[in-house]
């Protein structure tokens, strides 16, 4: 927390009153433990949108929320501590459902952020294409599965960004050891607080060795996509990015998932298999964009894709992914407020 705050010159900024366009809209920004909320601060300052920052972890957070006079609250859910992540999501829900102020991104988008078990259940319930996934809350069921499942298999911790909680398991001995630990003292994602142990369940996913992974993003009516670079066995957390234009099938899948479920801020990691199938690996409503500042390029030119009423896709050049896409989120939030008015 201290390192992130020192690295961000905007971490101490709590308000701004520049109303450059005279729109009369004021946005609230819920502080993020790792200072990612400063992307929203930067966006509001650049666009001239008044804002207030409130830390949802402080004791009088409700008084501050009520007194801020904001039309909408911008959230950047936590991915550092499991109990902090729960608190952040719970209080976002209360702001929207009980205090009567909308929160952006919306409830479903926040609900499965950095919760791979929730996401796996949701993908199965909706019937969307995804890798075969098994979730166990009983040790004996997990043990029986381990005796007959196909290897290698992917082990994933429910909470943990990038590939910090992911392992490819090649032997039954290793798999049984992971199961015992999951239902015993628990697991800790790499680089996370060692006391923040995840226990009582286990998530396993089929191993798909030959694939290409795409990062597909929708913010408002802007669509983006690029292949994720690979480091060793992992794409997520590789620190690499590739530039290639996503095809119509990938863009259509992104539109289908987000439009069909009311999502306005979503990144979707998609596996593209040699047989032509596309499978949704993960959905995350916010992401750091620390590797790829832009989210789409055509012939080296940054831009976005837009969809017309006929369902055709068109490229527009421009800097549409500023501030880790926070600028696009602020623009979409302001448009939603004005649309309600």
Protein backbone atom coordinates (compact mmCIF):
# COMPACT_ATOMS: atom_id res chain seq x y z
CA UNK A 1 0.00 0.00 0.00
CA UNK A 2 2.75 2.44 0.95
CA UNK A 3 4.83 1.68 -2.14
CA UNK A 4 1.85 2.10 -4.46
CA UNK A 5 0.87 5.38 -2.80
CA UNK A 6 4.41 6.73 -3.15
CA UNK A 7 4.49 5.74 -6.82
CA UNK A 8 1.28 7.60 -7.61
CA UNK A 9 1.32 11.41 -7.43
CA UNK A 10 -2.50 11.35 -7.27
CA UNK A 11 -2.87 9.03 -4.27
CA UNK A 12 -3.40 11.96 -1.87
CA UNK A 13 -5.91 13.78 -4.10
CA UNK A 14 -9.40 13.60 -2.59
CA UNK A 15 -11.47 16.05 -4.65
CA UNK A 16 -11.70 18.18 -7.75
CA UNK A 17 -14.21 20.90 -8.66
CA UNK A 18 -13.24 21.67 -12.25
CA UNK A 19 -16.52 21.55 -14.20
CA UNK A 20 -15.05 22.44 -17.54
CA UNK A 21 -18.12 21.56 -19.58
CA UNK A 22 -20.72 22.82 -17.12
CA UNK A 23 -22.51 19.50 -17.02
CA UNK A 24 -23.35 19.64 -13.33
CA UNK A 25 -22.31 16.00 -12.85
CA UNK A 26 -20.19 15.01 -9.84
CA UNK A 27 -18.62 11.56 -9.67
CA UNK A 28 -17.61 9.68 -6.54
CA UNK A 29 -14.47 7.56 -6.55
CA UNK A 30 -14.08 4.71 -4.06
CA UNK A 31 -10.43 4.47 -3.03
CA UNK A 32 -8.61 1.27 -3.89
CA UNK A 33 -6.10 -0.20 -1.44
CA UNK A 34 -3.40 -0.40 -4.15
CA UNK A 35 -4.17 3.13 -5.45
CA UNK A 36 -5.63 1.94 -8.75
CA UNK A 37 -8.49 4.39 -8.20
CA UNK A 38 -6.05 7.14 -9.18
CA UNK A 39 -6.71 6.20 -12.81
CA UNK A 40 -10.22 7.59 -12.25
CA UNK A 41 -8.77 10.69 -10.59
CA UNK A 42 -6.51 11.30 -13.59
CA UNK A 43 -9.42 10.80 -15.99
CA UNK A 44 -11.67 13.25 -14.13
CA UNK A 45 -8.90 15.86 -13.98
CA UNK A 46 -8.16 15.54 -17.69
CA UNK A 47 -11.84 15.70 -18.66
CA UNK A 48 -12.82 18.44 -16.22
CA UNK A 49 -15.38 16.38 -14.28
CA UNK A 50 -15.93 17.23 -10.57
CA UNK A 51 -15.21 14.33 -8.20
CA UNK A 52 -14.87 13.27 -4.58
CA UNK A 53 -12.74 10.37 -3.28
CA UNK A 54 -13.93 8.32 -0.29
CA UNK A 55 -12.15 5.39 1.33
CA UNK A 56 -14.82 2.68 1.85
CA UNK A 57 -12.73 1.12 4.65
CA UNK A 58 -12.94 4.06 7.09
CA UNK A 59 -15.34 3.98 10.02
CA UNK A 60 -17.58 6.84 8.87
CA UNK A 61 -17.68 5.81 5.20
CA UNK A 62 -21.47 6.00 5.01
CA UNK A 63 -21.53 9.58 6.35
CA UNK A 64 -18.92 10.56 3.79
CA UNK A 65 -20.80 8.86 0.94
CA UNK A 66 -24.05 10.60 1.88
CA UNK A 67 -22.37 13.98 2.27
CA UNK A 68 -20.41 13.85 -0.97
CA UNK A 69 -23.38 14.66 -3.18
CA UNK A 70 -22.24 12.41 -6.02
CA UNK A 71 -24.43 11.19 -8.88
CA UNK A 72 -22.55 7.90 -9.30
CA UNK A 73 -19.64 6.09 -7.63
CA UNK A 74 -16.74 4.63 -9.59
CA UNK A 75 -15.32 1.40 -8.16
CA UNK A 76 -12.01 -0.40 -8.67
CA UNK A 77 -12.48 -3.62 -6.65
CA UNK A 78 -9.60 -4.91 -4.53
CA UNK A 79 -7.32 -7.78 -5.60
CA UNK A 80 -4.81 -7.75 -2.73
CA UNK A 81 -6.53 -9.31 0.31
CA UNK A 82 -9.55 -11.60 0.30
CA UNK A 83 -11.25 -9.96 3.30
CA UNK A 84 -10.59 -6.49 1.85
CA UNK A 85 -12.07 -7.60 -1.48
CA UNK A 86 -15.22 -8.82 0.30
CA UNK A 87 -15.57 -5.56 2.22
CA UNK A 88 -15.20 -3.51 -0.96
CA UNK A 89 -17.84 -5.51 -2.85
CA UNK A 90 -20.24 -5.55 0.11
CA UNK A 91 -20.07 -1.78 0.53
CA UNK A 92 -20.47 -1.14 -3.19
CA UNK A 93 -23.66 -3.20 -3.01
CA UNK A 94 -24.94 -1.19 -0.03
CA UNK A 95 -24.20 2.12 -1.74
CA UNK A 96 -26.31 1.04 -4.70
CA UNK A 97 -29.09 -0.95 -3.04
CA UNK A 98 -29.58 0.96 0.22
CA UNK A 99 -28.10 4.43 -0.23
CA UNK A 100 -29.64 4.69 -3.68
CA UNK A 101 -26.60 5.82 -5.70
CA UNK A 102 -25.47 3.75 -8.72
CA UNK A 103 -22.01 2.19 -8.72
CA UNK A 104 -19.96 1.63 -11.88
CA UNK A 105 -19.06 -1.09 -12.90
CA UNK A 106 -22.35 -2.76 -12.07
CA UNK A 107 -23.30 -5.50 -9.57
CA UNK A 108 -22.71 -8.57 -11.77
CA UNK A 109 -19.39 -7.22 -13.04
CA UNK A 110 -18.19 -6.69 -9.46
CA UNK A 111 -19.67 -9.95 -8.17
CA UNK A 112 -17.25 -12.32 -9.90
CA UNK A 113 -14.24 -10.00 -10.04
CA UNK A 114 -11.22 -12.01 -8.82
CA UNK A 115 -13.44 -14.88 -7.70
CA UNK A 116 -12.79 -17.81 -10.00
CA UNK A 117 -15.32 -20.10 -8.30
CA UNK A 118 -18.12 -17.60 -8.76
CA UNK A 119 -17.07 -17.12 -12.37
CA UNK A 120 -16.90 -20.87 -13.05
CA UNK A 121 -20.40 -21.37 -11.63
CA UNK A 122 -21.73 -18.42 -13.63
CA UNK A 123 -20.21 -19.62 -16.91
CA UNK A 124 -21.72 -23.07 -16.38
CA UNK A 125 -25.13 -21.62 -15.48
CA UNK A 126 -25.22 -19.36 -18.54
CA UNK A 127 -23.98 -22.04 -20.93
CA UNK A 128 -21.23 -19.82 -22.32
CA UNK A 129 -18.27 -21.67 -23.88
CA UNK A 130 -15.45 -22.20 -21.40
CA UNK A 131 -12.80 -24.81 -20.50
CA UNK A 132 -14.09 -27.79 -18.51
CA UNK A 133 -13.86 -26.83 -14.85
CA UNK A 134 -14.41 -28.78 -11.63
CA UNK A 135 -15.06 -27.18 -8.23
CA UNK A 136 -15.09 -29.23 -5.01
CA UNK A 137 -16.09 -28.24 -1.49
CA UNK A 138 -15.75 -31.80 -0.14
CA UNK A 139 -12.29 -33.31 0.22
CA UNK A 140 -13.49 -36.84 -0.49
CA UNK A 141 -15.05 -35.78 -3.80
CA UNK A 142 -11.85 -34.00 -4.83
CA UNK A 143 -9.81 -37.06 -3.84
CA UNK A 144 -11.97 -39.42 -5.87
CA UNK A 145 -11.69 -37.13 -8.89
CA UNK A 146 -7.90 -36.99 -8.51
CA UNK A 147 -7.64 -40.75 -8.87
CA UNK A 148 -9.10 -40.84 -12.37
CA UNK A 149 -8.84 -37.40 -13.98
CA UNK A 150 -6.77 -36.72 -17.07
CA UNK A 151 -3.33 -35.18 -16.47
CA UNK A 152 -1.90 -32.63 -16.68
CA UNK A 153 -4.61 -30.48 -15.13
CA UNK A 154 -4.68 -26.82 -14.10
CA UNK A 155 -5.01 -25.85 -10.43
CA UNK A 156 -6.35 -22.34 -9.74
CA UNK A 157 -6.83 -20.44 -6.52
CA UNK A 158 -10.16 -18.59 -6.42
CA UNK A 159 -8.48 -15.27 -5.49
CA UNK A 160 -5.28 -14.04 -7.10
CA UNK A 161 -4.55 -11.76 -10.05
CA UNK A 162 -2.56 -12.79 -13.13
CA UNK A 163 -1.03 -16.26 -12.76
CA UNK A 164 -0.17 -15.85 -9.06
CA UNK A 165 -2.46 -18.70 -8.00
CA UNK A 166 -2.20 -20.97 -11.04
CA UNK A 167 -0.24 -24.22 -11.40
CA UNK A 168 -0.09 -26.92 -14.05
CA UNK A 169 -0.21 -30.27 -12.27
CA UNK A 170 1.55 -33.19 -13.96
CA UNK A 171 1.33 -35.98 -11.37
CA UNK A 172 -1.37 -37.49 -9.15
CA UNK A 173 0.96 -37.23 -6.19
CA UNK A 174 1.24 -33.48 -6.69
CA UNK A 175 -2.51 -33.17 -7.21
CA UNK A 176 -3.33 -35.08 -4.02
CA UNK A 177 -0.86 -32.90 -2.10
CA UNK A 178 -2.61 -29.75 -3.38
CA UNK A 179 -5.99 -31.19 -2.35
CA UNK A 180 -4.78 -32.03 1.15
CA UNK A 181 -3.40 -28.52 1.53
CA UNK A 182 -6.61 -26.94 0.17
CA UNK A 183 -8.66 -28.70 2.83
CA UNK A 184 -5.98 -28.31 5.49
CA UNK A 185 -3.84 -25.26 6.14
CA UNK A 186 -4.78 -23.65 2.83
CA UNK A 187 -2.94 -22.03 -0.09
CA UNK A 188 -1.47 -18.57 -0.57
CA UNK A 189 -1.17 -17.01 -4.03
CA UNK A 190 2.38 -16.05 -5.00
CA UNK A 191 3.27 -12.58 -3.76
CA UNK A 192 0.18 -12.32 -1.53
CA UNK A 193 0.00 -11.84 2.24
CA UNK A 194 1.08 -15.20 3.68
CA UNK A 195 -1.63 -15.12 6.37
CA UNK A 196 -4.36 -14.68 3.73
CA UNK A 197 -4.87 -18.40 3.19
CA UNK A 198 -7.52 -19.82 0.89
CA UNK A 199 -8.93 -23.08 2.13
CA UNK A 200 -12.04 -25.28 2.09
CA UNK A 201 -12.41 -25.67 -1.67
CA UNK A 202 -10.44 -26.47 -4.81
CA UNK A 203 -10.86 -25.48 -8.46
CA UNK A 204 -9.40 -27.54 -11.31
CA UNK A 205 -9.54 -26.81 -15.04
CA UNK A 206 -8.73 -28.85 -18.13
CA UNK A 207 -5.27 -28.30 -19.57
CA UNK A 208 -5.26 -26.96 -23.13
CA UNK A 209 -1.65 -26.79 -24.36
CA UNK A 210 -2.07 -25.59 -27.94
CA UNK A 211 -3.92 -22.31 -27.95
CA UNK A 212 -3.75 -18.59 -28.47
CA UNK A 213 -5.12 -16.32 -25.75
CA UNK A 214 -6.81 -13.01 -26.49
CA UNK A 215 -7.55 -10.10 -24.18
CA UNK A 216 -10.91 -8.72 -25.35
CA UNK A 217 -12.26 -5.55 -23.74
CA UNK A 218 -15.51 -3.61 -23.83
CA UNK A 219 -15.86 -0.22 -22.18
CA UNK A 220 -19.15 1.52 -22.98
CA UNK A 221 -19.50 1.30 -26.75
CA UNK A 222 -15.77 0.88 -27.38
CA UNK A 223 -14.43 -2.59 -28.16
CA UNK A 224 -10.77 -3.66 -28.07
CA UNK A 225 -8.69 -6.80 -28.43
CA UNK A 226 -5.14 -8.12 -28.75
CA UNK A 227 -3.34 -11.44 -28.27
CA UNK A 228 -1.67 -11.97 -24.91
CA UNK A 229 2.04 -12.83 -25.06
CA UNK A 230 3.27 -16.06 -23.55
CA UNK A 231 6.01 -16.61 -20.98
CA UNK A 232 6.72 -20.27 -20.30
CA UNK A 233 3.39 -22.02 -19.78
CA UNK A 234 1.33 -18.91 -18.98
CA UNK A 235 -0.22 -16.03 -20.89
CA UNK A 236 -1.72 -14.23 -17.88
CA UNK A 237 0.91 -12.32 -15.96
CA UNK A 238 3.50 -12.90 -18.70
CA UNK A 239 4.36 -9.20 -19.04
CA UNK A 240 4.14 -9.59 -22.82
CA UNK A 241 1.66 -8.35 -25.38
CA UNK A 242 1.20 -8.97 -29.08
CA UNK A 243 -0.61 -6.86 -31.66
CA UNK A 244 -3.02 -8.48 -34.06
CA UNK A 245 -6.57 -7.55 -34.96
CA UNK A 246 -9.31 -9.73 -33.42
CA UNK A 247 -11.62 -11.39 -35.91
CA UNK A 248 -15.38 -10.98 -36.14
CA UNK A 249 -16.04 -14.16 -34.12
CA UNK A 250 -14.11 -12.81 -31.12
CA UNK A 251 -15.75 -9.38 -31.32
CA UNK A 252 -19.19 -10.94 -31.68
CA UNK A 253 -18.59 -13.17 -28.64
CA UNK A 254 -17.52 -10.15 -26.58
CA UNK A 255 -20.64 -8.26 -27.65
CA UNK A 256 -22.89 -11.26 -27.00
CA UNK A 257 -21.61 -11.77 -23.45
CA UNK A 258 -21.54 -8.12 -22.40
CA UNK A 259 -24.73 -6.97 -24.13
CA UNK A 260 -26.69 -10.02 -23.06
CA UNK A 261 -25.81 -9.54 -19.40
CA UNK A 262 -25.79 -5.75 -19.12
CA UNK A 263 -22.03 -5.35 -18.79
CA UNK A 264 -20.49 -1.97 -19.68
CA UNK A 265 -16.97 -2.54 -18.33
CA UNK A 266 -15.46 -5.96 -18.95
CA UNK A 267 -12.27 -7.60 -20.09
CA UNK A 268 -12.62 -11.16 -21.35
CA UNK A 269 -9.68 -13.52 -21.76
CA UNK A 270 -10.49 -15.99 -24.53
CA UNK A 271 -8.73 -19.17 -25.60
CA UNK A 272 -8.62 -19.67 -29.38
CA UNK A 273 -8.04 -23.37 -30.12
CA UNK A 274 -6.54 -24.95 -33.26
CA UNK A 275 -9.92 -26.50 -34.13
CA UNK A 276 -11.51 -23.05 -34.30
CA UNK A 277 -13.32 -23.14 -30.95
CA UNK A 278 -13.19 -20.12 -28.66
CA UNK A 279 -13.50 -20.59 -24.88
CA UNK A 280 -13.87 -17.94 -22.19
CA UNK A 281 -11.10 -18.36 -19.64
CA UNK A 282 -11.66 -15.33 -17.39
CA UNK A 283 -13.75 -12.18 -17.03
CA UNK A 284 -12.44 -9.16 -15.10
CA UNK A 285 -14.29 -5.87 -14.86
CA UNK A 286 -11.11 -3.82 -14.26
CA UNK A 287 -7.47 -4.52 -15.04
CA UNK A 288 -4.18 -2.71 -14.56
CA UNK A 289 -3.18 -2.30 -18.23
CA UNK A 290 0.42 -2.03 -17.01
CA UNK A 291 1.80 -3.90 -20.03
CA UNK A 292 -0.45 -2.70 -22.87
CA UNK A 293 -1.36 0.97 -22.50
CA UNK A 294 -3.48 0.68 -25.64
CA UNK A 295 -5.84 -2.26 -26.00
CA UNK A 296 -6.03 -2.46 -29.80
CA UNK A 297 -3.80 -1.47 -32.70
CA UNK A 298 -4.20 -1.81 -36.45
CA UNK A 299 -0.98 -1.50 -38.45
CA UNK A 300 0.63 0.12 -35.41
CA UNK A 301 -2.15 2.71 -35.02
CA UNK A 302 -4.06 2.62 -31.69
CA UNK A 303 -7.83 2.74 -31.77
CA UNK A 304 -11.05 0.93 -31.03
CA UNK A 305 -13.72 -1.10 -32.78
CA UNK A 306 -17.32 0.10 -32.93
CA UNK A 307 -20.38 -1.91 -33.92
CA UNK A 308 -23.06 -0.50 -36.21
CA UNK A 309 -26.77 -1.33 -36.15
CA UNK A 310 -26.26 -4.02 -38.79
CA UNK A 311 -23.71 -5.83 -36.58
CA UNK A 312 -20.69 -4.89 -38.68
CA UNK A 313 -17.43 -3.79 -37.07
CA UNK A 314 -15.46 -0.64 -37.92
CA UNK A 315 -12.06 0.60 -36.77
CA UNK A 316 -11.66 4.13 -35.38
CA UNK A 317 -8.19 5.44 -34.66
CA UNK A 318 -7.56 7.34 -31.45
CA UNK A 319 -6.44 7.17 -27.83
CA UNK A 320 -9.50 5.47 -26.38
CA UNK A 321 -7.80 3.45 -23.61
CA UNK A 322 -6.25 6.27 -21.59
CA UNK A 323 -5.57 5.81 -17.87
CA UNK A 324 -6.00 2.03 -17.93
CA UNK A 325 -9.38 2.53 -19.66
CA UNK A 326 -10.58 4.69 -16.75
CA UNK A 327 -11.19 7.61 -19.12
CA UNK A 328 -13.56 5.47 -21.20
CA UNK A 329 -15.34 4.33 -18.01
CA UNK A 330 -15.76 7.92 -16.82
CA UNK A 331 -17.15 8.93 -20.21
CA UNK A 332 -19.61 6.04 -20.16
CA UNK A 333 -20.64 6.79 -16.57
CA UNK A 334 -21.30 10.46 -17.37
CA UNK A 335 -23.36 9.47 -20.41
CA UNK A 336 -25.44 7.11 -18.26
CA UNK A 337 -26.11 9.86 -15.70
CA UNK A 338 -27.17 12.31 -18.40
CA UNK A 339 -29.31 9.62 -20.02
CA UNK A 340 -31.21 9.13 -16.75
CA UNK A 341 -31.71 12.87 -16.44
